[in-house]
Amino acid sequence: MRVLTIRNMVCDRCRTAVARVLTEQGLDAVSVELGEVRLGLEPAQAELDHLRTALRSQGFDLVLDPDAQMITRVKAEVVRRVHHGADGRMNLAELVRGAVHREISSVSKLFSEVEGITLEHYFLLQRLERVKELIRYGEMTFSEIAFATGFSSAAHLSAQFKKLTGMTPTAFRKLAHPARTPLDQVGS
């Protein structure tokens, strides 16, 4: 079995698109998860080259460098937990340990070197994108949103939101077409 790391897989539609590319390339996927594909058989180098080209044409990329694979796995897990998880109380150190079986200190150092921002800041930016999404839905109070996204209170959420966006959550809610950052571009 071969595990491939795929960059920019951030949602269920991405999983569907990658699965379609794999099928078109004649590769048998055992599973397709955010940031990771498990193939039943080891592909030949030519197949990997064709796959990489096909993935790039769809906005994805095949990640071969071990450090980049680790970063991609961590980013995919952050996105999965922040945007698709049911519980907002997330511990970043546990998330990293679970995703790559390493301590956060070494992963955070590598993340900063490769991505140009800290892992903690990336995590915060993803949480704020989730906050923006929940604000736009208009179904929750700011206290409920704060709890759902792991902030200690609505005041803490508001302070972080204003610091990073330049506006309060209330001002953001009033915008007709508020700016959102695509999940695969957060932190870029």
Protein backbone atom coordinates (compact mmCIF):
# COMPACT_ATOMS: atom_id res chain seq x y z
CA MET A 1 0.00 0.00 0.00
CA ARG A 2 1.32 3.47 -0.87
CA VAL A 3 0.31 6.63 0.98
CA LEU A 4 0.44 9.85 -1.04
CA THR A 5 0.27 13.33 0.42
CA ILE A 6 -1.80 15.81 -1.60
CA ARG A 7 -1.55 19.58 -1.08
CA ASN A 8 -4.65 21.86 -1.08
CA MET A 9 -7.28 19.24 -0.20
CA VAL A 10 -9.47 21.26 2.17
CA CYS A 11 -13.04 20.06 1.71
CA ASP A 12 -15.27 17.19 0.61
CA ARG A 13 -15.42 18.57 -2.94
CA CYS A 14 -11.61 18.43 -3.00
CA ARG A 15 -11.73 14.78 -1.97
CA THR A 16 -14.21 14.09 -4.75
CA ALA A 17 -12.06 15.93 -7.30
CA VAL A 18 -8.91 14.05 -6.27
CA ALA A 19 -10.77 10.72 -6.35
CA ARG A 20 -11.93 11.55 -9.88
CA VAL A 21 -8.33 12.35 -10.95
CA LEU A 22 -7.14 9.05 -9.48
CA THR A 23 -9.84 7.15 -11.37
CA GLU A 24 -9.02 8.96 -14.61
CA GLN A 25 -5.36 8.02 -14.10
CA GLY A 26 -6.29 4.38 -13.55
CA LEU A 27 -5.06 4.35 -9.96
CA ASP A 28 -6.92 2.29 -7.36
CA ALA A 29 -7.53 4.40 -4.25
CA VAL A 30 -8.22 2.51 -1.05
CA SER A 31 -9.09 5.78 0.70
CA VAL A 32 -9.11 9.51 -0.04
CA GLU A 33 -8.96 11.78 2.99
CA LEU A 34 -8.08 15.45 3.40
CA GLY A 35 -4.43 15.71 2.39
CA GLU A 36 -3.88 11.99 1.99
CA VAL A 37 -4.58 9.19 -0.46
CA ARG A 38 -3.96 5.50 0.12
CA LEU A 39 -3.37 3.43 -3.00
CA GLY A 40 -3.76 -0.33 -3.10
CA LEU A 41 -0.74 -0.82 -5.35
CA GLU A 42 2.60 0.96 -5.61
CA PRO A 43 2.44 3.21 -8.71
CA ALA A 44 5.34 3.36 -11.17
CA GLN A 45 7.28 6.62 -11.42
CA ALA A 46 5.65 7.41 -14.77
CA GLU A 47 2.22 7.02 -13.15
CA LEU A 48 3.25 9.38 -10.34
CA ASP A 49 4.46 11.93 -12.88
CA HIS A 50 1.15 11.77 -14.78
CA LEU A 51 -0.77 11.96 -11.51
CA ARG A 52 1.17 15.04 -10.41
CA THR A 53 0.42 16.79 -13.71
CA ALA A 54 -3.29 15.88 -13.48
CA LEU A 55 -3.50 17.02 -9.85
CA ARG A 56 -1.81 20.34 -10.64
CA SER A 57 -4.32 20.99 -13.42
CA GLN A 58 -7.03 20.78 -10.75
CA GLY A 59 -5.26 23.02 -8.19
CA PHE A 60 -3.71 20.24 -6.11
CA ASP A 61 -0.19 18.91 -5.92
CA LEU A 62 1.57 15.69 -5.06
CA VAL A 63 3.93 16.29 -2.13
CA LEU A 64 7.06 14.16 -2.15
CA ASP A 65 9.45 15.90 0.27
CA PRO A 66 9.13 14.35 3.78
CA ASP A 67 9.15 17.71 5.58
CA ALA A 68 6.58 19.14 3.17
CA GLN A 69 4.48 15.99 3.65
CA MET A 70 4.48 16.52 7.40
CA ILE A 71 3.48 20.19 7.01
CA THR A 72 0.72 19.22 4.55
CA ARG A 73 -0.61 16.57 6.95
CA VAL A 74 -0.65 19.05 9.84
CA LYS A 75 -2.41 21.69 7.73
CA ALA A 76 -4.99 19.16 6.55
CA GLU A 77 -5.65 18.08 10.13
CA VAL A 78 -6.03 21.70 11.26
CA VAL A 79 -8.54 22.32 8.46
CA ARG A 80 -10.38 19.08 9.21
CA ARG A 81 -10.68 19.80 12.92
CA VAL A 82 -11.46 23.52 12.62
CA HIS A 83 -13.91 23.38 9.71
CA HIS A 84 -15.34 19.87 9.90
CA GLY A 85 -15.00 18.90 13.56
CA ALA A 86 -17.88 19.02 15.97
CA ASP A 87 -15.98 20.34 18.98
CA GLY A 88 -14.36 23.77 19.13
CA ARG A 89 -12.17 22.93 22.11
CA MET A 90 -9.03 21.97 20.22
CA ASN A 91 -5.59 21.50 21.65
CA LEU A 92 -3.02 22.26 18.96
CA ALA A 93 -0.30 20.13 20.59
CA GLU A 94 -2.61 17.09 20.69
CA LEU A 95 -3.73 17.75 17.13
CA VAL A 96 -0.09 17.77 15.92
CA ARG A 97 0.82 14.69 17.94
CA GLY A 98 -2.15 12.84 16.50
CA ALA A 99 -1.48 13.92 12.91
CA VAL A 100 2.27 13.35 12.64
CA HIS A 101 3.31 11.66 15.92
CA ARG A 102 5.75 14.42 16.81
CA GLU A 103 5.92 17.06 19.48
CA ILE A 104 4.61 20.49 18.59
CA SER A 105 7.93 22.27 19.22
CA SER A 106 9.79 20.54 16.37
CA VAL A 107 6.82 20.71 14.00
CA SER A 108 6.18 24.36 14.81
CA LYS A 109 9.81 25.28 14.06
CA LEU A 110 9.71 23.49 10.70
CA PHE A 111 6.28 24.95 9.92
CA SER A 112 7.58 28.49 10.48
CA GLU A 113 10.62 27.87 8.28
CA VAL A 114 8.58 26.42 5.43
CA GLU A 115 5.37 28.48 5.59
CA GLY A 116 6.70 31.82 6.81
CA ILE A 117 4.17 32.02 9.66
CA THR A 118 3.93 30.15 12.93
CA LEU A 119 1.76 27.09 13.25
CA GLU A 120 -0.12 28.81 16.05
CA HIS A 121 -0.89 31.79 13.80
CA TYR A 122 -2.03 29.48 10.98
CA PHE A 123 -4.32 27.70 13.46
CA LEU A 124 -5.74 31.05 14.59
CA LEU A 125 -6.28 32.20 10.98
CA GLN A 126 -8.17 28.99 10.17
CA ARG A 127 -10.33 29.45 13.26
CA LEU A 128 -11.11 33.02 12.22
CA GLU A 129 -12.16 31.85 8.75
CA ARG A 130 -14.54 29.44 10.49
CA VAL A 131 -15.80 32.33 12.63
CA LYS A 132 -16.49 34.35 9.46
CA GLU A 133 -18.43 31.43 8.02
CA LEU A 134 -20.53 31.04 11.17
CA ILE A 135 -21.18 34.78 11.33
CA ARG A 136 -22.45 34.75 7.74
CA TYR A 137 -24.86 31.91 8.53
CA GLY A 138 -26.44 34.17 11.17
CA GLU A 139 -27.68 31.23 13.22
CA MET A 140 -25.48 31.61 16.30
CA THR A 141 -24.71 34.30 18.84
CA PHE A 142 -21.13 35.51 19.19
CA SER A 143 -20.84 33.59 22.47
CA GLU A 144 -21.94 30.38 20.72
CA ILE A 145 -19.50 31.05 17.87
CA ALA A 146 -16.69 31.68 20.37
CA PHE A 147 -17.40 28.38 22.10
CA ALA A 148 -17.72 26.47 18.81
CA THR A 149 -14.36 27.76 17.56
CA GLY A 150 -12.36 27.38 20.77
CA PHE A 151 -12.22 30.95 22.04
CA SER A 152 -12.61 31.45 25.77
CA SER A 153 -15.35 34.09 25.40
CA ALA A 154 -17.09 36.38 22.95
CA ALA A 155 -14.80 39.19 24.16
CA HIS A 156 -11.69 37.12 23.40
CA LEU A 157 -13.09 36.23 19.98
CA SER A 158 -13.93 39.88 19.28
CA ALA A 159 -10.44 41.06 20.29
CA GLN A 160 -8.71 38.46 18.08
CA PHE A 161 -11.10 39.12 15.21
CA LYS A 162 -10.52 42.88 15.33
CA LYS A 163 -6.76 42.47 15.68
CA LEU A 164 -6.53 40.30 12.56
CA THR A 165 -9.29 41.70 10.35
CA GLY A 166 -9.42 45.33 11.45
CA MET A 167 -13.13 45.17 12.23
CA THR A 168 -15.37 43.80 14.92
CA PRO A 169 -17.47 40.69 14.36
CA THR A 170 -20.57 42.90 14.47
CA ALA A 171 -19.20 45.12 11.68
CA PHE A 172 -18.33 42.02 9.68
CA ARG A 173 -21.88 40.68 10.09
CA LYS A 174 -23.28 43.92 8.65
CA LEU A 175 -21.23 43.72 5.43
CA ALA A 176 -23.23 42.76 2.35
CA HIS A 177 -20.42 40.73 0.76
CA PRO A 178 -17.69 40.16 3.35
CA ALA A 179 -14.27 39.01 2.19
CA ARG A 180 -13.36 35.42 2.96
CA THR A 181 -10.08 33.70 2.28
CA PRO A 182 -10.17 30.32 0.52
CA LEU A 183 -9.05 27.67 3.01
CA ASP A 184 -6.12 26.56 0.89
CA GLN A 185 -4.84 30.16 0.84
CA VAL A 186 -5.08 30.93 4.56
CA GLY A 187 -1.67 32.02 5.78
CA SER A 188 -0.24 32.42 2.27
